[in-house]
Amino acid sequence: MTFTLVLIMISAGIYALAEDTNFGNALWWPVVTVTTVGYGDISPKTEVGRSIAIVLMFLGIGLIGTIPVR
């Protein structure tokens, strides 16, 4: 859980800088990406943003797959 939160916060920070947007929108984007919802209302336009998106997509799918089912 801690890794996920750190991943989301770091991704939001990089996204905010790369895409020149506010932190609120930047925070929304990795949450939607990691949870694989992908609304599409906010999407990266720069190469840095897209690179972060790729990493986030793979890690997000992996993190969702590690949630234990009880």
PDB file of N, CA and C in Angstrom:
ATOM      1  N   MET A   1       0.818  -1.192   0.000  1.00  0.00           N
ATOM      2  CA  MET A   1       0.000   0.000   0.000  1.00  0.00           C
ATOM      3  C   MET A   1       0.866   1.262   0.000  1.00  0.00           C
ATOM      4  N   THR A   2       1.927   1.236   0.799  1.00  0.00           N
ATOM      5  CA  THR A   2       2.821   2.387   0.859  1.00  0.00           C
ATOM      6  C   THR A   2       3.488   2.620  -0.485  1.00  0.00           C
ATOM      7  N   PHE A   3       3.914   1.546  -1.128  1.00  0.00           N
ATOM      8  CA  PHE A   3       4.543   1.668  -2.439  1.00  0.00           C
ATOM      9  C   PHE A   3       3.589   2.313  -3.434  1.00  0.00           C
ATOM     10  N   THR A   4       2.334   1.934  -3.390  1.00  0.00           N
ATOM     11  CA  THR A   4       1.338   2.483  -4.302  1.00  0.00           C
ATOM     12  C   THR A   4       1.169   3.976  -4.078  1.00  0.00           C
ATOM     13  N   LEU A   5       1.068   4.394  -2.833  1.00  0.00           N
ATOM     14  CA  LEU A   5       0.911   5.819  -2.529  1.00  0.00           C
ATOM     15  C   LEU A   5       2.128   6.630  -2.969  1.00  0.00           C
ATOM     16  N   VAL A   6       3.312   6.088  -2.711  1.00  0.00           N
ATOM     17  CA  VAL A   6       4.541   6.767  -3.130  1.00  0.00           C
ATOM     18  C   VAL A   6       4.600   6.850  -4.648  1.00  0.00           C
ATOM     19  N   LEU A   7       4.259   5.781  -5.319  1.00  0.00           N
ATOM     20  CA  LEU A   7       4.245   5.757  -6.776  1.00  0.00           C
ATOM     21  C   LEU A   7       3.280   6.807  -7.339  1.00  0.00           C
ATOM     22  N   ILE A   8       2.110   6.906  -6.757  1.00  0.00           N
ATOM     23  CA  ILE A   8       1.108   7.869  -7.215  1.00  0.00           C
ATOM     24  C   ILE A   8       1.595   9.303  -6.980  1.00  0.00           C
ATOM     25  N   MET A   9       2.158   9.572  -5.813  1.00  0.00           N
ATOM     26  CA  MET A   9       2.622  10.929  -5.508  1.00  0.00           C
ATOM     27  C   MET A   9       3.788  11.350  -6.394  1.00  0.00           C
ATOM     28  N   ILE A  10       4.749  10.457  -6.605  1.00  0.00           N
ATOM     29  CA  ILE A  10       5.886  10.775  -7.473  1.00  0.00           C
ATOM     30  C   ILE A  10       5.413  10.979  -8.902  1.00  0.00           C
ATOM     31  N   SER A  11       4.536  10.110  -9.370  1.00  0.00           N
ATOM     32  CA  SER A  11       4.013  10.234 -10.731  1.00  0.00           C
ATOM     33  C   SER A  11       3.251  11.531 -10.907  1.00  0.00           C
ATOM     34  N   ALA A  12       2.457  11.904  -9.913  1.00  0.00           N
ATOM     35  CA  ALA A  12       1.700  13.153  -9.984  1.00  0.00           C
ATOM     36  C   ALA A  12       2.641  14.356 -10.048  1.00  0.00           C
ATOM     37  N   GLY A  13       3.696  14.317  -9.258  1.00  0.00           N
ATOM     38  CA  GLY A  13       4.662  15.414  -9.275  1.00  0.00           C
ATOM     39  C   GLY A  13       5.354  15.559 -10.616  1.00  0.00           C
ATOM     40  N   ILE A  14       5.808  14.448 -11.166  1.00  0.00           N
ATOM     41  CA  ILE A  14       6.474  14.481 -12.475  1.00  0.00           C
ATOM     42  C   ILE A  14       5.485  14.922 -13.552  1.00  0.00           C
ATOM     43  N   TYR A  15       4.263  14.399 -13.486  1.00  0.00           N
ATOM     44  CA  TYR A  15       3.232  14.759 -14.466  1.00  0.00           C
ATOM     45  C   TYR A  15       2.924  16.249 -14.408  1.00  0.00           C
ATOM     46  N   ALA A  16       2.806  16.793 -13.203  1.00  0.00           N
ATOM     47  CA  ALA A  16       2.508  18.220 -13.048  1.00  0.00           C
ATOM     48  C   ALA A  16       3.593  19.075 -13.684  1.00  0.00           C
ATOM     49  N   LEU A  17       4.843  18.699 -13.491  1.00  0.00           N
ATOM     50  CA  LEU A  17       5.948  19.454 -14.081  1.00  0.00           C
ATOM     51  C   LEU A  17       6.017  19.275 -15.595  1.00  0.00           C
ATOM     52  N   ALA A  18       5.907  18.035 -16.050  1.00  0.00           N
ATOM     53  CA  ALA A  18       6.051  17.744 -17.483  1.00  0.00           C
ATOM     54  C   ALA A  18       4.896  18.311 -18.304  1.00  0.00           C
ATOM     55  N   GLU A  19       3.690  18.259 -17.758  1.00  0.00           N
ATOM     56  CA  GLU A  19       2.507  18.677 -18.503  1.00  0.00           C
ATOM     57  C   GLU A  19       2.067  20.102 -18.157  1.00  0.00           C
ATOM     58  N   ASP A  20       2.788  20.749 -17.250  1.00  0.00           N
ATOM     59  CA  ASP A  20       2.496  22.123 -16.837  1.00  0.00           C
ATOM     60  C   ASP A  20       1.036  22.278 -16.399  1.00  0.00           C
ATOM     61  N   THR A  21       0.659  21.468 -15.408  1.00  0.00           N
ATOM     62  CA  THR A  21      -0.701  21.495 -14.888  1.00  0.00           C
ATOM     63  C   THR A  21      -0.669  21.600 -13.371  1.00  0.00           C
ATOM     64  N   ASN A  22      -1.808  21.845 -12.762  1.00  0.00           N
ATOM     65  CA  ASN A  22      -1.842  21.953 -11.302  1.00  0.00           C
ATOM     66  C   ASN A  22      -1.771  20.562 -10.674  1.00  0.00           C
ATOM     67  N   PHE A  23      -1.438  20.540  -9.382  1.00  0.00           N
ATOM     68  CA  PHE A  23      -1.218  19.256  -8.717  1.00  0.00           C
ATOM     69  C   PHE A  23      -2.511  18.462  -8.551  1.00  0.00           C
ATOM     70  N   GLY A  24      -3.654  19.140  -8.432  1.00  0.00           N
ATOM     71  CA  GLY A  24      -4.939  18.438  -8.316  1.00  0.00           C
ATOM     72  C   GLY A  24      -5.230  17.588  -9.543  1.00  0.00           C
ATOM     73  N   ASN A  25      -5.083  18.173 -10.721  1.00  0.00           N
ATOM     74  CA  ASN A  25      -5.274  17.407 -11.959  1.00  0.00           C
ATOM     75  C   ASN A  25      -4.198  16.344 -12.107  1.00  0.00           C
ATOM     76  N   ALA A  26      -2.990  16.701 -11.720  1.00  0.00           N
ATOM     77  CA  ALA A  26      -1.885  15.746 -11.824  1.00  0.00           C
ATOM     78  C   ALA A  26      -2.105  14.560 -10.893  1.00  0.00           C
ATOM     79  N   LEU A  27      -2.695  14.774  -9.735  1.00  0.00           N
ATOM     80  CA  LEU A  27      -2.960  13.689  -8.801  1.00  0.00           C
ATOM     81  C   LEU A  27      -4.088  12.787  -9.297  1.00  0.00           C
ATOM     82  N   TRP A  28      -5.080  13.371  -9.933  1.00  0.00           N
ATOM     83  CA  TRP A  28      -6.202  12.608 -10.488  1.00  0.00           C
ATOM     84  C   TRP A  28      -5.702  11.617 -11.541  1.00  0.00           C
ATOM     85  N   TRP A  29      -4.789  12.067 -12.382  1.00  0.00           N
ATOM     86  CA  TRP A  29      -4.328  11.252 -13.498  1.00  0.00           C
ATOM     87  C   TRP A  29      -3.690   9.922 -13.072  1.00  0.00           C
ATOM     88  N   PRO A  30      -2.710   9.885 -12.128  1.00  0.00           N
ATOM     89  CA  PRO A  30      -2.140   8.578 -11.786  1.00  0.00           C
ATOM     90  C   PRO A  30      -3.118   7.653 -11.056  1.00  0.00           C
ATOM     91  N   VAL A  31      -4.042   8.235 -10.294  1.00  0.00           N
ATOM     92  CA  VAL A  31      -5.037   7.391  -9.625  1.00  0.00           C
ATOM     93  C   VAL A  31      -5.890   6.673 -10.665  1.00  0.00           C
ATOM     94  N   VAL A  32      -6.344   7.404 -11.668  1.00  0.00           N
ATOM     95  CA  VAL A  32      -7.159   6.818 -12.732  1.00  0.00           C
ATOM     96  C   VAL A  32      -6.337   5.821 -13.546  1.00  0.00           C
ATOM     97  N   THR A  33      -5.062   6.119 -13.760  1.00  0.00           N
ATOM     98  CA  THR A  33      -4.207   5.231 -14.548  1.00  0.00           C
ATOM     99  C   THR A  33      -3.869   3.951 -13.786  1.00  0.00           C
ATOM    100  N   VAL A  34      -3.482   4.071 -12.522  1.00  0.00           N
ATOM    101  CA  VAL A  34      -3.095   2.899 -11.730  1.00  0.00           C
ATOM    102  C   VAL A  34      -4.275   1.957 -11.530  1.00  0.00           C
ATOM    103  N   THR A  35      -5.458   2.507 -11.343  1.00  0.00           N
ATOM    104  CA  THR A  35      -6.628   1.658 -11.128  1.00  0.00           C
ATOM    105  C   THR A  35      -7.200   1.124 -12.434  1.00  0.00           C
ATOM    106  N   THR A  36      -6.593   1.441 -13.532  1.00  0.00           N
ATOM    107  CA  THR A  36      -6.962   1.020 -14.889  1.00  0.00           C
ATOM    108  C   THR A  36      -8.366   1.452 -15.294  1.00  0.00           C
ATOM    109  N   VAL A  37      -8.875   2.517 -14.672  1.00  0.00           N
ATOM    110  CA  VAL A  37     -10.173   3.054 -15.064  1.00  0.00           C
ATOM    111  C   VAL A  37     -10.034   3.794 -16.386  1.00  0.00           C
ATOM    112  N   GLY A  38      -9.043   4.677 -16.467  1.00  0.00           N
ATOM    113  CA  GLY A  38      -8.726   5.373 -17.707  1.00  0.00           C
ATOM    114  C   GLY A  38      -9.854   6.182 -18.310  1.00  0.00           C
ATOM    115  N   TYR A  39     -10.378   7.154 -17.571  1.00  0.00           N
ATOM    116  CA  TYR A  39     -11.467   7.988 -18.081  1.00  0.00           C
ATOM    117  C   TYR A  39     -11.094   8.715 -19.366  1.00  0.00           C
ATOM    118  N   GLY A  40      -9.842   9.148 -19.488  1.00  0.00           N
ATOM    119  CA  GLY A  40      -9.414   9.846 -20.692  1.00  0.00           C
ATOM    120  C   GLY A  40      -9.630  11.337 -20.644  1.00  0.00           C
ATOM    121  N   ASP A  41     -10.160  11.854 -19.537  1.00  0.00           N
ATOM    122  CA  ASP A  41     -10.365  13.296 -19.435  1.00  0.00           C
ATOM    123  C   ASP A  41      -9.048  14.037 -19.302  1.00  0.00           C
ATOM    124  N   ILE A  42      -8.057  13.393 -18.729  1.00  0.00           N
ATOM    125  CA  ILE A  42      -6.710  13.948 -18.625  1.00  0.00           C
ATOM    126  C   ILE A  42      -5.754  12.909 -19.172  1.00  0.00           C
ATOM    127  N   SER A  43      -4.930  13.310 -20.127  1.00  0.00           N
ATOM    128  CA  SER A  43      -3.963  12.375 -20.690  1.00  0.00           C
ATOM    129  C   SER A  43      -2.673  13.119 -21.010  1.00  0.00           C
ATOM    130  N   PRO A  44      -1.539  12.424 -20.934  1.00  0.00           N
ATOM    131  CA  PRO A  44      -0.254  13.073 -21.181  1.00  0.00           C
ATOM    132  C   PRO A  44      -0.067  13.439 -22.651  1.00  0.00           C
ATOM    133  N   LYS A  45       0.550  14.583 -22.860  1.00  0.00           N
ATOM    134  CA  LYS A  45       0.835  15.064 -24.219  1.00  0.00           C
ATOM    135  C   LYS A  45       2.333  15.053 -24.531  1.00  0.00           C
ATOM    136  N   THR A  46       3.166  15.110 -23.477  1.00  0.00           N
ATOM    137  CA  THR A  46       4.617  15.162 -23.674  1.00  0.00           C
ATOM    138  C   THR A  46       5.220  13.761 -23.624  1.00  0.00           C
ATOM    139  N   GLU A  47       6.446  13.650 -24.101  1.00  0.00           N
ATOM    140  CA  GLU A  47       7.150  12.364 -24.062  1.00  0.00           C
ATOM    141  C   GLU A  47       7.405  11.918 -22.624  1.00  0.00           C
ATOM    142  N   VAL A  48       7.746  12.855 -21.766  1.00  0.00           N
ATOM    143  CA  VAL A  48       7.979  12.509 -20.357  1.00  0.00           C
ATOM    144  C   VAL A  48       6.684  11.998 -19.736  1.00  0.00           C
ATOM    145  N   GLY A  49       5.584  12.696 -19.967  1.00  0.00           N
ATOM    146  CA  GLY A  49       4.290  12.268 -19.441  1.00  0.00           C
ATOM    147  C   GLY A  49       3.885  10.901 -19.948  1.00  0.00           C
ATOM    148  N   ARG A  50       4.109  10.655 -21.220  1.00  0.00           N
ATOM    149  CA  ARG A  50       3.763   9.355 -21.804  1.00  0.00           C
ATOM    150  C   ARG A  50       4.656   8.246 -21.269  1.00  0.00           C
ATOM    151  N   SER A  51       5.925   8.570 -21.013  1.00  0.00           N
ATOM    152  CA  SER A  51       6.833   7.571 -20.445  1.00  0.00           C
ATOM    153  C   SER A  51       6.392   7.190 -19.037  1.00  0.00           C
ATOM    154  N   ILE A  52       6.020   8.182 -18.243  1.00  0.00           N
ATOM    155  CA  ILE A  52       5.512   7.916 -16.899  1.00  0.00           C
ATOM    156  C   ILE A  52       4.231   7.084 -16.989  1.00  0.00           C
ATOM    157  N   ALA A  53       3.399   7.373 -17.973  1.00  0.00           N
ATOM    158  CA  ALA A  53       2.144   6.631 -18.152  1.00  0.00           C
ATOM    159  C   ALA A  53       2.412   5.152 -18.412  1.00  0.00           C
ATOM    160  N   ILE A  54       3.385   4.865 -19.242  1.00  0.00           N
ATOM    161  CA  ILE A  54       3.715   3.474 -19.556  1.00  0.00           C
ATOM    162  C   ILE A  54       4.148   2.732 -18.291  1.00  0.00           C
ATOM    163  N   VAL A  55       5.040   3.330 -17.535  1.00  0.00           N
ATOM    164  CA  VAL A  55       5.502   2.708 -16.293  1.00  0.00           C
ATOM    165  C   VAL A  55       4.325   2.520 -15.336  1.00  0.00           C
ATOM    166  N   LEU A  56       3.504   3.544 -15.217  1.00  0.00           N
ATOM    167  CA  LEU A  56       2.363   3.497 -14.309  1.00  0.00           C
ATOM    168  C   LEU A  56       1.351   2.439 -14.721  1.00  0.00           C
ATOM    169  N   MET A  57       1.135   2.269 -16.004  1.00  0.00           N
ATOM    170  CA  MET A  57       0.186   1.252 -16.471  1.00  0.00           C
ATOM    171  C   MET A  57       0.664  -0.153 -16.118  1.00  0.00           C
ATOM    172  N   PHE A  58       1.924  -0.431 -16.396  1.00  0.00           N
ATOM    173  CA  PHE A  58       2.447  -1.760 -16.084  1.00  0.00           C
ATOM    174  C   PHE A  58       2.449  -2.018 -14.579  1.00  0.00           C
ATOM    175  N   LEU A  59       2.897  -1.036 -13.807  1.00  0.00           N
ATOM    176  CA  LEU A  59       2.914  -1.213 -12.355  1.00  0.00           C
ATOM    177  C   LEU A  59       1.506  -1.268 -11.790  1.00  0.00           C
ATOM    178  N   GLY A  60       0.583  -0.489 -12.337  1.00  0.00           N
ATOM    179  CA  GLY A  60      -0.783  -0.493 -11.858  1.00  0.00           C
ATOM    180  C   GLY A  60      -1.449  -1.838 -12.060  1.00  0.00           C
ATOM    181  N   ILE A  61      -1.255  -2.426 -13.203  1.00  0.00           N
ATOM    182  CA  ILE A  61      -1.810  -3.750 -13.476  1.00  0.00           C
ATOM    183  C   ILE A  61      -1.183  -4.769 -12.522  1.00  0.00           C
ATOM    184  N   GLY A  62       0.113  -4.654 -12.307  1.00  0.00           N
ATOM    185  CA  GLY A  62       0.800  -5.557 -11.395  1.00  0.00           C
ATOM    186  C   GLY A  62       0.319  -5.394  -9.962  1.00  0.00           C
ATOM    187  N   LEU A  63       0.107  -4.156  -9.543  1.00  0.00           N
ATOM    188  CA  LEU A  63      -0.343  -3.916  -8.166  1.00  0.00           C
ATOM    189  C   LEU A  63      -1.756  -4.425  -7.948  1.00  0.00           C
ATOM    190  N   ILE A  64      -2.622  -4.228  -8.915  1.00  0.00           N
ATOM    191  CA  ILE A  64      -3.997  -4.733  -8.801  1.00  0.00           C
ATOM    192  C   ILE A  64      -3.972  -6.251  -8.728  1.00  0.00           C
ATOM    193  N   GLY A  65      -3.072  -6.883  -9.463  1.00  0.00           N
ATOM    194  CA  GLY A  65      -2.979  -8.342  -9.475  1.00  0.00           C
ATOM    195  C   GLY A  65      -2.444  -8.934  -8.176  1.00  0.00           C
ATOM    196  N   THR A  66      -1.807  -8.114  -7.353  1.00  0.00           N
ATOM    197  CA  THR A  66      -1.254  -8.627  -6.101  1.00  0.00           C
ATOM    198  C   THR A  66      -2.211  -8.488  -4.910  1.00  0.00           C
ATOM    199  N   ILE A  67      -3.363  -7.897  -5.115  1.00  0.00           N
ATOM    200  CA  ILE A  67      -4.328  -7.751  -4.023  1.00  0.00           C
ATOM    201  C   ILE A  67      -4.891  -9.130  -3.693  1.00  0.00           C
ATOM    202  N   PRO A  68      -4.727  -9.547  -2.438  1.00  0.00           N
ATOM    203  CA  PRO A  68      -5.230 -10.879  -2.071  1.00  0.00           C
ATOM    204  C   PRO A  68      -6.768 -10.919  -2.031  1.00  0.00           C
ATOM    205  N   VAL A  69      -7.307 -12.001  -2.528  1.00  0.00           N
ATOM    206  CA  VAL A  69      -8.762 -12.199  -2.506  1.00  0.00           C
ATOM    207  C   VAL A  69      -9.068 -13.106  -1.314  1.00  0.00           C
ATOM    208  N   ARG A  70      -9.971 -12.668  -0.484  1.00  0.00           N
ATOM    209  CA  ARG A  70     -10.302 -13.467   0.720  1.00  0.00           C
ATOM    210  C   ARG A  70     -11.700 -13.987   0.641  1.00  0.00           C
TER     211      ARG A  70
END
